[in-house]
Amino acid sequence: MKKVVLAYSGGLDTSVAVAWLREQFGVEVVTLTVDVGGGSLRPGVERRAMSAGASRAYVVDARERFVTDFVWPHLQANALYQGAYPLATALARPLIAQLLVEVAQREGADAVAHGCTGKGNDQVRFDVAVHALDPGLAVVAPMRVGMGLTRDQEIDYAHERGIEIPITKASPYSIDVNLWGRSIETGVLEDPWVAPPADVYEWTLDPAAAPAEVEVTLDFEGGLPVALDGERLDPVALVDRVSTLAGQHGVGRIDHVEDRLVGIKSREIYEAPAATVLHAAHRALEGLTLTKDTLRFNRLVANELAQLTYDGLWFSALHRDLRGYIASSQRVVSGEVRVRLDHGSAIVAGRRSPLSLYDKSLATYDEGDAFDHAAAVGFIEIFGLPLRVEAARHGAVGRHHGAAWAWTEPLLQGLPTTVQDPEGAAVG
């Protein structure tokens, strides 16, 4: 191993890792910092990398690529891990891994490195993605293979070598952030009985202290949001604008105990204001424009896609093919959705689409009803045919090998009952 490309955040761990890799393996270290929005890019990151001993420091603005190629497909799919987590951190990892591989190939490096520990999901996501894209690259994780320094030891290590490090108050939490959300864990949050302290949150106001409700309108084309309150915005600006507005109304707080890939349960706090609003709006528009069978099947695809992404299998054939199906299913998901932001809730207030499958003349019970009520008799006759045949062959209450086997227990005898006779007297 002669040259390593390190995924570099500019924080204490990865700054120390630059020098540690050089000393332990005698390798040249190139750093890669990827801006995925949300404040993920620290000021002066190139200078800090060079002071730590990097031979070259790459900084890539990948915010738009992150949204369009990674976030949007999962929004179109309504993919939430275990029905709750919008996959913010998990979605950024394949993007960073791809850029690591591309920089390694450009630099002629024979290895890449990341700052993940041996206990989390991200180590799997990076390792698996890198090897899927370039099996010839080695993957090194200093925090997993021997660096193992405490925070104070890392600070001393950096000072001894003249490494510039960010001097900030140590957070009691482990935090990952990008444009799509903040992920917060450890500290007091490791007790799932403890309510998250106020200092956990940065993007969302306490719902109880939020201002009066506000209503926003989102325009979608092909399952993708394109405008907010009639103003067309590029993907990054739209996510940022929705995130800020929703956060001001306390929308986007998620407290979730999830099943990690490595086999343990973990209590996670997420702030995802934009994801919360956009997922709600997108689901509402799909309910208007997609058939019942497509909606049913899409729920299966959403769960599978979320699981694959969470597990780090973005570059698998199955993930690619499911994304292709979702993109096809979204052709008709265009229209407008009104969402009310109200003290922590994002409530769909209305939706409309030129491609809507909703027909008021069929749905109404009032004047103008165009539904053929008489046709319902024949429909029920055919629909109920299998059940009537079953009842005729097996008995109304069912029989199994000659023995009585009740499908249902009689209810009438066990319930209070009043009967009105023809004379108007109540009979108990």
Protein backbone atom coordinates (compact mmCIF):
# COMPACT_ATOMS: atom_id res chain seq x y z
CA MET A 1 0.00 0.00 0.00
CA LYS A 2 1.58 3.26 -1.16
CA LYS A 3 -1.18 5.86 -1.48
CA VAL A 4 -4.47 6.16 0.38
CA VAL A 5 -7.47 8.40 -0.29
CA LEU A 6 -9.13 9.27 3.03
CA ALA A 7 -12.75 10.38 3.37
CA TYR A 8 -12.00 13.52 5.36
CA SER A 9 -14.57 15.49 7.35
CA GLY A 10 -12.11 17.97 8.82
CA GLY A 11 -12.95 16.94 12.37
CA LEU A 12 -10.60 15.66 15.05
CA ASP A 13 -10.77 11.95 14.19
CA THR A 14 -9.99 12.22 10.49
CA SER A 15 -7.38 14.94 11.02
CA VAL A 16 -5.49 12.63 13.36
CA ALA A 17 -6.07 9.73 10.94
CA VAL A 18 -4.08 11.53 8.22
CA ALA A 19 -0.93 11.53 10.34
CA TRP A 20 -1.63 8.10 11.83
CA LEU A 21 -1.92 6.48 8.38
CA ARG A 22 1.35 8.07 7.28
CA GLU A 23 3.18 6.92 10.41
CA GLN A 24 1.72 3.43 10.69
CA PHE A 25 1.79 2.43 7.04
CA GLY A 26 4.30 4.84 5.51
CA VAL A 27 1.79 5.86 2.86
CA GLU A 28 1.01 9.07 1.04
CA VAL A 29 -2.41 10.36 2.11
CA VAL A 30 -4.80 12.25 -0.16
CA THR A 31 -7.96 13.60 1.46
CA LEU A 32 -11.45 13.87 -0.01
CA THR A 33 -14.09 16.11 1.56
CA VAL A 34 -17.59 15.95 0.12
CA ASP A 35 -20.07 18.76 0.69
CA VAL A 36 -23.51 17.18 0.95
CA GLY A 37 -25.12 20.26 2.46
CA GLY A 38 -26.67 20.93 5.81
CA GLY A 39 -23.45 22.37 7.20
CA SER A 40 -21.40 19.25 6.47
CA LEU A 41 -18.54 21.31 4.99
CA ARG A 42 -16.32 22.76 7.71
CA PRO A 43 -14.54 26.06 6.96
CA GLY A 44 -10.83 25.76 6.17
CA VAL A 45 -10.99 22.03 5.59
CA GLU A 46 -8.32 22.01 2.85
CA ARG A 47 -5.85 23.90 5.05
CA ARG A 48 -6.50 21.56 7.96
CA ALA A 49 -5.92 18.49 5.80
CA MET A 50 -2.61 19.83 4.55
CA SER A 51 -1.50 20.71 8.08
CA ALA A 52 -2.21 17.13 9.07
CA GLY A 53 0.16 15.88 6.38
CA ALA A 54 -2.03 15.26 3.33
CA SER A 55 -0.22 15.51 0.01
CA ARG A 56 -3.36 16.78 -1.70
CA ALA A 57 -6.83 17.79 -0.53
CA TYR A 58 -9.92 17.40 -2.72
CA VAL A 59 -13.13 19.25 -1.84
CA VAL A 60 -16.19 18.36 -3.93
CA ASP A 61 -19.50 20.23 -3.92
CA ALA A 62 -21.89 17.29 -4.40
CA ARG A 63 -25.06 18.86 -3.01
CA GLU A 64 -27.04 18.87 -6.25
CA ARG A 65 -25.85 15.39 -7.21
CA PHE A 66 -26.78 14.16 -3.73
CA VAL A 67 -30.34 15.42 -4.05
CA THR A 68 -31.04 14.50 -7.67
CA ASP A 69 -29.34 11.10 -7.85
CA PHE A 70 -29.74 9.79 -4.30
CA VAL A 71 -32.47 11.61 -2.38
CA TRP A 72 -35.02 12.02 -5.15
CA PRO A 73 -35.24 8.30 -6.10
CA HIS A 74 -36.04 7.48 -2.49
CA LEU A 75 -38.60 10.25 -2.22
CA GLN A 76 -40.27 8.90 -5.37
CA ALA A 77 -40.33 5.46 -3.76
CA ASN A 78 -41.56 6.71 -0.35
CA ALA A 79 -38.64 4.70 1.05
CA LEU A 80 -38.32 5.06 4.83
CA TYR A 81 -36.30 2.54 6.83
CA GLN A 82 -38.65 0.67 9.17
CA GLY A 83 -41.30 3.19 8.19
CA ALA A 84 -39.60 6.04 10.04
CA TYR A 85 -36.05 6.96 9.03
CA PRO A 86 -35.67 9.00 5.80
CA LEU A 87 -32.18 7.49 5.29
CA ALA A 88 -30.29 10.81 5.26
CA THR A 89 -26.91 9.42 6.36
CA ALA A 90 -27.38 6.15 4.50
CA LEU A 91 -28.08 7.97 1.23
CA ALA A 92 -24.89 10.04 1.42
CA ARG A 93 -22.57 7.06 1.88
CA PRO A 94 -22.76 5.56 -1.63
CA LEU A 95 -22.15 9.01 -3.11
CA ILE A 96 -19.05 9.53 -0.95
CA ALA A 97 -17.87 5.99 -1.69
CA GLN A 98 -18.19 6.56 -5.44
CA LEU A 99 -16.19 9.77 -5.20
CA LEU A 100 -13.55 8.00 -3.08
CA VAL A 101 -13.12 5.41 -5.82
CA GLU A 102 -12.97 8.03 -8.58
CA VAL A 103 -10.32 10.06 -6.73
CA ALA A 104 -8.35 6.90 -5.95
CA GLN A 105 -8.36 5.97 -9.63
CA ARG A 106 -7.35 9.48 -10.66
CA GLU A 107 -4.52 9.54 -8.10
CA GLY A 108 -3.33 6.00 -8.78
CA ALA A 109 -4.00 5.07 -5.14
CA ASP A 110 -4.20 1.46 -4.08
CA ALA A 111 -6.42 2.01 -1.03
CA VAL A 112 -9.14 4.20 0.42
CA ALA A 113 -9.86 4.93 4.08
CA HIS A 114 -12.73 6.14 6.23
CA GLY A 115 -13.26 7.10 9.85
CA CYS A 116 -15.97 4.60 10.79
CA THR A 117 -15.84 2.47 13.91
CA GLY A 118 -16.40 -1.30 14.01
CA LYS A 119 -19.83 -0.99 15.57
CA GLY A 120 -21.87 1.12 13.16
CA ASN A 121 -23.58 0.72 9.81
CA ASP A 122 -21.37 3.12 7.87
CA GLN A 123 -18.32 0.86 7.85
CA VAL A 124 -20.35 -1.72 5.95
CA ARG A 125 -21.74 0.87 3.54
CA PHE A 126 -18.30 2.21 2.66
CA ASP A 127 -16.52 -1.14 2.43
CA VAL A 128 -19.20 -2.85 0.37
CA ALA A 129 -19.71 0.10 -2.00
CA VAL A 130 -15.99 0.59 -2.63
CA HIS A 131 -15.43 -3.08 -3.41
CA ALA A 132 -18.49 -3.16 -5.68
CA LEU A 133 -17.06 -0.27 -7.70
CA ASP A 134 -13.39 -1.31 -7.64
CA PRO A 135 -12.59 -4.73 -6.13
CA GLY A 136 -8.87 -4.01 -6.45
CA LEU A 137 -8.87 -1.23 -3.85
CA ALA A 138 -8.03 -1.99 -0.24
CA VAL A 139 -10.15 -0.34 2.44
CA VAL A 140 -8.58 0.86 5.69
CA ALA A 141 -10.53 2.07 8.74
CA PRO A 142 -8.12 3.54 11.33
CA MET A 143 -10.79 3.68 14.04
CA ARG A 144 -11.36 -0.04 13.50
CA VAL A 145 -7.80 -1.32 13.16
CA GLY A 146 -5.75 0.14 15.94
CA MET A 147 -5.87 3.93 16.12
CA GLY A 148 -8.25 3.68 19.09
CA LEU A 149 -7.32 6.93 20.84
CA THR A 150 -9.51 8.75 23.32
CA ARG A 151 -10.53 12.32 22.50
CA ASP A 152 -7.89 13.75 24.85
CA GLN A 153 -5.23 11.46 23.39
CA GLU A 154 -6.19 12.56 19.87
CA ILE A 155 -5.88 16.23 20.87
CA ASP A 156 -2.42 15.59 22.37
CA TYR A 157 -1.44 13.58 19.28
CA ALA A 158 -2.45 16.46 17.01
CA HIS A 159 -0.69 19.12 19.11
CA GLU A 160 2.53 17.12 19.20
CA ARG A 161 2.57 17.03 15.40
CA GLY A 162 1.40 20.56 14.75
CA ILE A 163 -1.89 19.41 13.23
CA GLU A 164 -4.53 22.11 13.03
CA ILE A 165 -7.70 20.84 14.63
CA PRO A 166 -11.09 22.45 15.22
CA ILE A 167 -11.20 23.74 18.81
CA THR A 168 -14.85 23.34 19.73
CA LYS A 169 -16.81 22.31 22.78
CA ALA A 170 -17.06 18.53 22.82
CA SER A 171 -20.60 17.51 21.96
CA PRO A 172 -22.15 14.83 24.17
CA TYR A 173 -23.66 13.33 21.00
CA SER A 174 -22.47 11.69 17.83
CA ILE A 175 -23.91 13.69 14.94
CA ASP A 176 -23.95 13.24 11.17
CA VAL A 177 -25.49 15.90 8.97
CA ASN A 178 -26.37 16.53 5.36
CA LEU A 179 -28.98 18.45 3.41
CA TRP A 180 -31.64 15.77 3.94
CA GLY A 181 -31.29 15.44 7.70
CA ARG A 182 -29.39 15.31 10.98
CA SER A 183 -28.70 12.00 12.74
CA ILE A 184 -28.01 12.18 16.49
CA GLU A 185 -27.06 9.35 18.85
CA THR A 186 -25.08 8.37 22.01
CA GLY A 187 -24.95 10.13 25.36
CA VAL A 188 -28.20 10.22 27.31
CA LEU A 189 -30.03 9.16 24.15
CA GLU A 190 -28.78 5.60 24.69
CA ASP A 191 -31.54 5.20 27.29
CA PRO A 192 -34.75 4.89 25.22
CA TRP A 193 -36.80 5.90 28.29
CA VAL A 194 -35.15 9.32 28.48
CA ALA A 195 -36.80 12.14 26.53
CA PRO A 196 -34.37 13.87 24.13
CA PRO A 197 -32.94 17.01 25.79
CA ALA A 198 -33.56 20.33 24.07
CA ASP A 199 -29.90 20.63 23.01
CA VAL A 200 -30.30 17.64 20.70
CA TYR A 201 -32.20 19.76 18.21
CA GLU A 202 -30.77 22.46 15.96
CA TRP A 203 -33.04 22.53 12.91
CA THR A 204 -36.46 22.33 14.52
CA LEU A 205 -38.19 24.63 16.98
CA ASP A 206 -39.94 23.09 19.97
CA PRO A 207 -43.42 22.35 18.52
CA ALA A 208 -45.06 23.87 21.61
CA ALA A 209 -43.25 27.16 20.94
CA ALA A 210 -43.89 27.19 17.18
CA PRO A 211 -45.75 30.12 15.62
CA ALA A 212 -49.24 29.95 14.19
CA GLU A 213 -49.85 27.40 11.48
CA VAL A 214 -48.91 28.15 7.89
CA GLU A 215 -49.91 26.47 4.63
CA VAL A 216 -47.53 25.79 1.75
CA THR A 217 -48.13 24.47 -1.76
CA LEU A 218 -45.74 22.05 -3.43
CA ASP A 219 -45.71 21.30 -7.17
CA PHE A 220 -44.56 17.89 -8.40
CA GLU A 221 -43.61 16.71 -11.87
CA GLY A 222 -43.00 13.02 -12.43
CA GLY A 223 -42.91 12.39 -8.69
CA LEU A 224 -40.32 15.11 -8.03
CA PRO A 225 -40.92 18.43 -6.25
CA VAL A 226 -40.17 21.39 -8.52
CA ALA A 227 -41.80 24.43 -6.92
CA LEU A 228 -42.74 25.88 -3.54
CA ASP A 229 -45.71 28.25 -3.37
CA GLY A 230 -45.57 28.68 -7.14
CA GLU A 231 -41.85 29.51 -7.28
CA ARG A 232 -39.75 27.03 -9.26
CA LEU A 233 -36.54 26.19 -7.43
CA ASP A 234 -33.51 24.04 -8.13
CA PRO A 235 -33.39 20.83 -6.04
CA VAL A 236 -30.91 22.08 -3.43
CA ALA A 237 -32.70 25.39 -2.92
CA LEU A 238 -36.09 23.66 -2.67
CA VAL A 239 -34.94 21.19 -0.01
CA ASP A 240 -33.18 23.96 1.91
CA ARG A 241 -36.21 26.28 1.76
CA VAL A 242 -38.68 23.59 2.85
CA SER A 243 -36.33 22.45 5.61
CA THR A 244 -36.02 25.94 7.06
CA LEU A 245 -39.74 26.67 6.88
CA ALA A 246 -40.81 23.32 8.33
CA GLY A 247 -38.19 23.50 11.07
CA GLN A 248 -39.56 26.89 12.15
CA HIS A 249 -42.86 25.14 12.82
CA GLY A 250 -41.34 22.23 14.73
CA VAL A 251 -41.84 19.73 11.91
CA GLY A 252 -39.37 16.91 11.34
CA ARG A 253 -38.43 15.43 14.72
CA ILE A 254 -38.13 11.64 14.70
CA ASP A 255 -37.35 9.48 17.76
CA HIS A 256 -36.74 5.94 16.58
CA VAL A 257 -35.33 2.68 17.94
CA GLU A 258 -34.02 0.96 14.85
CA ASP A 259 -32.37 -2.33 14.00
CA ARG A 260 -28.80 -1.77 12.87
CA LEU A 261 -27.23 -3.87 10.19
CA VAL A 262 -24.64 -5.22 12.65
CA GLY A 263 -27.39 -6.83 14.73
CA ILE A 264 -28.08 -4.41 17.58
CA LYS A 265 -30.93 -2.06 18.33
CA SER A 266 -30.03 1.61 18.51
CA ARG A 267 -32.01 4.62 19.66
CA GLU A 268 -31.62 7.41 17.07
CA ILE A 269 -32.92 10.94 16.95
CA TYR A 270 -33.38 12.46 13.50
CA GLU A 271 -34.21 15.95 12.35
CA ALA A 272 -35.58 15.82 8.84
CA PRO A 273 -37.97 18.74 8.23
CA ALA A 274 -37.83 18.72 4.42
CA ALA A 275 -38.05 14.93 4.22
CA THR A 276 -41.08 14.86 6.52
CA VAL A 277 -43.00 17.43 4.48
CA LEU A 278 -42.01 16.19 1.03
CA HIS A 279 -42.75 12.54 1.83
CA ALA A 280 -46.21 13.47 3.14
CA ALA A 281 -46.96 15.54 0.06
CA HIS A 282 -45.66 12.92 -2.34
CA ARG A 283 -47.70 10.12 -0.77
CA ALA A 284 -50.83 12.26 -0.99
CA LEU A 285 -50.29 12.93 -4.69
CA GLU A 286 -49.63 9.26 -5.41
CA GLY A 287 -52.92 8.40 -3.73
CA LEU A 288 -54.63 10.61 -6.30
CA THR A 289 -52.78 9.49 -9.43
CA LEU A 290 -51.81 5.81 -9.06
CA THR A 291 -54.00 2.73 -9.17
CA LYS A 292 -54.73 0.61 -6.11
CA ASP A 293 -52.52 -2.23 -7.36
CA THR A 294 -49.60 0.08 -8.16
CA LEU A 295 -49.85 1.65 -4.71
CA ARG A 296 -49.89 -1.78 -3.08
CA PHE A 297 -46.87 -2.98 -5.02
CA ASN A 298 -45.02 0.29 -4.45
CA ARG A 299 -45.24 -0.24 -0.71
CA LEU A 300 -43.36 -3.51 -1.13
CA VAL A 301 -40.73 -1.85 -3.32
CA ALA A 302 -40.34 1.03 -0.85
CA ASN A 303 -39.57 -1.34 2.01
CA GLU A 304 -37.09 -3.33 -0.07
CA LEU A 305 -35.36 -0.23 -1.41
CA ALA A 306 -35.07 1.26 2.08
CA GLN A 307 -33.59 -1.97 3.43
CA LEU A 308 -31.06 -2.25 0.60
CA THR A 309 -29.97 1.37 1.08
CA TYR A 310 -29.72 1.03 4.84
CA ASP A 311 -27.64 -2.11 4.40
CA GLY A 312 -25.22 -0.42 2.02
CA LEU A 313 -26.28 -2.26 -1.13
CA TRP A 314 -26.90 0.79 -3.31
CA PHE A 315 -24.71 -0.55 -6.11
CA SER A 316 -26.42 -3.95 -6.26
CA ALA A 317 -28.34 -5.00 -9.37
CA LEU A 318 -31.55 -5.28 -7.37
CA HIS A 319 -31.27 -1.70 -6.08
CA ARG A 320 -30.63 -0.42 -9.61
CA ASP A 321 -33.58 -2.32 -11.05
CA LEU A 322 -35.97 -1.22 -8.31
CA ARG A 323 -35.00 2.40 -8.92
CA GLY A 324 -35.79 1.85 -12.59
CA TYR A 325 -39.24 0.52 -11.76
CA ILE A 326 -39.96 3.42 -9.41
CA ALA A 327 -38.92 5.98 -12.02
CA SER A 328 -41.33 4.38 -14.48
CA SER A 329 -44.20 4.34 -11.98
CA GLN A 330 -43.79 8.07 -11.33
CA ARG A 331 -44.63 9.21 -14.88
CA VAL A 332 -48.12 10.29 -13.83
CA VAL A 333 -47.36 11.62 -10.34
CA SER A 334 -47.69 15.30 -11.20
CA GLY A 335 -49.79 18.00 -9.57
CA GLU A 336 -50.04 20.22 -6.51
CA VAL A 337 -50.32 19.45 -2.81
CA ARG A 338 -51.22 21.84 0.00
CA VAL A 339 -49.54 21.05 3.33
CA ARG A 340 -50.34 22.71 6.65
CA LEU A 341 -47.41 23.08 9.04
CA ASP A 342 -48.87 23.15 12.51
CA HIS A 343 -46.89 22.82 15.77
CA GLY A 344 -44.78 19.85 14.73
CA SER A 345 -47.20 18.29 12.25
CA ALA A 346 -47.24 18.31 8.46
CA ILE A 347 -50.86 17.79 7.49
CA VAL A 348 -52.00 17.40 3.89
CA ALA A 349 -54.81 19.90 3.33
CA GLY A 350 -55.52 19.32 -0.37
CA ARG A 351 -54.22 17.82 -3.59
CA ARG A 352 -55.04 18.10 -7.29
CA SER A 353 -53.62 16.78 -10.54
CA PRO A 354 -54.45 16.91 -14.25
CA LEU A 355 -53.72 13.16 -14.22
CA SER A 356 -55.94 12.42 -11.22
CA LEU A 357 -57.83 9.12 -11.13
CA TYR A 358 -60.34 10.65 -8.76
CA ASP A 359 -63.70 11.26 -10.48
CA LYS A 360 -66.12 13.29 -8.41
CA SER A 361 -69.10 12.20 -10.50
CA LEU A 362 -68.35 8.61 -9.49
CA ALA A 363 -67.47 9.37 -5.87
CA THR A 364 -70.28 11.78 -4.95
CA TYR A 365 -73.42 10.79 -3.07
CA ASP A 366 -75.08 14.04 -4.08
CA GLU A 367 -76.68 15.27 -7.29
CA GLY A 368 -74.67 14.35 -10.36
CA ASP A 369 -73.89 10.83 -9.15
CA ALA A 370 -72.85 8.89 -12.28
CA PHE A 371 -72.14 5.58 -10.57
CA ASP A 372 -74.34 2.70 -11.76
CA HIS A 373 -75.73 1.43 -8.46
CA ALA A 374 -77.60 -1.41 -10.14
CA ALA A 375 -74.31 -2.76 -11.50
CA ALA A 376 -73.15 -3.33 -7.91
CA VAL A 377 -75.51 -6.32 -7.63
CA GLY A 378 -73.73 -8.24 -10.37
CA PHE A 379 -70.33 -7.19 -9.04
CA ILE A 380 -71.14 -8.48 -5.56
CA GLU A 381 -72.50 -11.71 -7.08
CA ILE A 382 -69.21 -12.43 -8.84
CA PHE A 383 -66.96 -11.07 -6.09
CA GLY A 384 -68.64 -13.15 -3.38
CA LEU A 385 -68.84 -16.34 -5.49
CA PRO A 386 -65.73 -18.07 -4.01
CA LEU A 387 -66.94 -17.46 -0.45
CA ARG A 388 -70.43 -18.81 -1.21
CA VAL A 389 -68.93 -21.93 -2.80
CA GLU A 390 -66.71 -22.42 0.23
CA ALA A 391 -69.64 -22.05 2.60
CA ALA A 392 -71.72 -24.52 0.56
CA ARG A 393 -68.97 -27.17 0.55
CA HIS A 394 -67.53 -26.72 4.03
CA GLY A 395 -70.57 -25.48 5.93
CA ALA A 396 -71.50 -22.02 6.96
CA VAL A 397 -69.38 -22.26 10.11
CA GLY A 398 -66.79 -24.58 8.58
CA ARG A 399 -66.05 -28.24 9.23
CA HIS A 400 -62.70 -29.98 9.45
CA HIS A 401 -62.46 -33.75 8.96
CA GLY A 402 -65.97 -34.26 10.21
CA ALA A 403 -65.46 -32.32 13.44
CA ALA A 404 -67.22 -29.06 14.09
CA TRP A 405 -64.81 -26.17 13.64
CA ALA A 406 -66.34 -22.76 14.23
CA TRP A 407 -65.02 -19.91 12.14
CA THR A 408 -66.88 -17.51 14.40
CA GLU A 409 -68.41 -17.68 17.84
CA PRO A 410 -72.11 -16.75 18.21
CA LEU A 411 -72.38 -13.14 19.33
CA LEU A 412 -76.05 -12.44 19.93
CA GLN A 413 -76.42 -14.37 23.19
CA GLY A 414 -73.50 -12.57 24.77
CA LEU A 415 -74.46 -8.98 23.89
CA PRO A 416 -77.09 -6.68 25.47
CA THR A 417 -79.98 -6.64 23.00
CA THR A 418 -83.20 -4.64 22.73
CA VAL A 419 -85.95 -5.67 20.28
CA GLN A 420 -88.86 -3.37 19.27
CA ASP A 421 -92.13 -5.22 18.66
CA PRO A 422 -94.90 -4.07 16.25
CA GLU A 423 -96.86 -2.50 19.11
CA GLY A 424 -93.95 -0.23 19.98
CA ALA A 425 -93.02 -2.02 23.18
CA ALA A 426 -89.38 -2.70 23.91
CA VAL A 427 -88.62 -6.36 24.48
CA GLY A 428 -85.40 -7.17 26.41
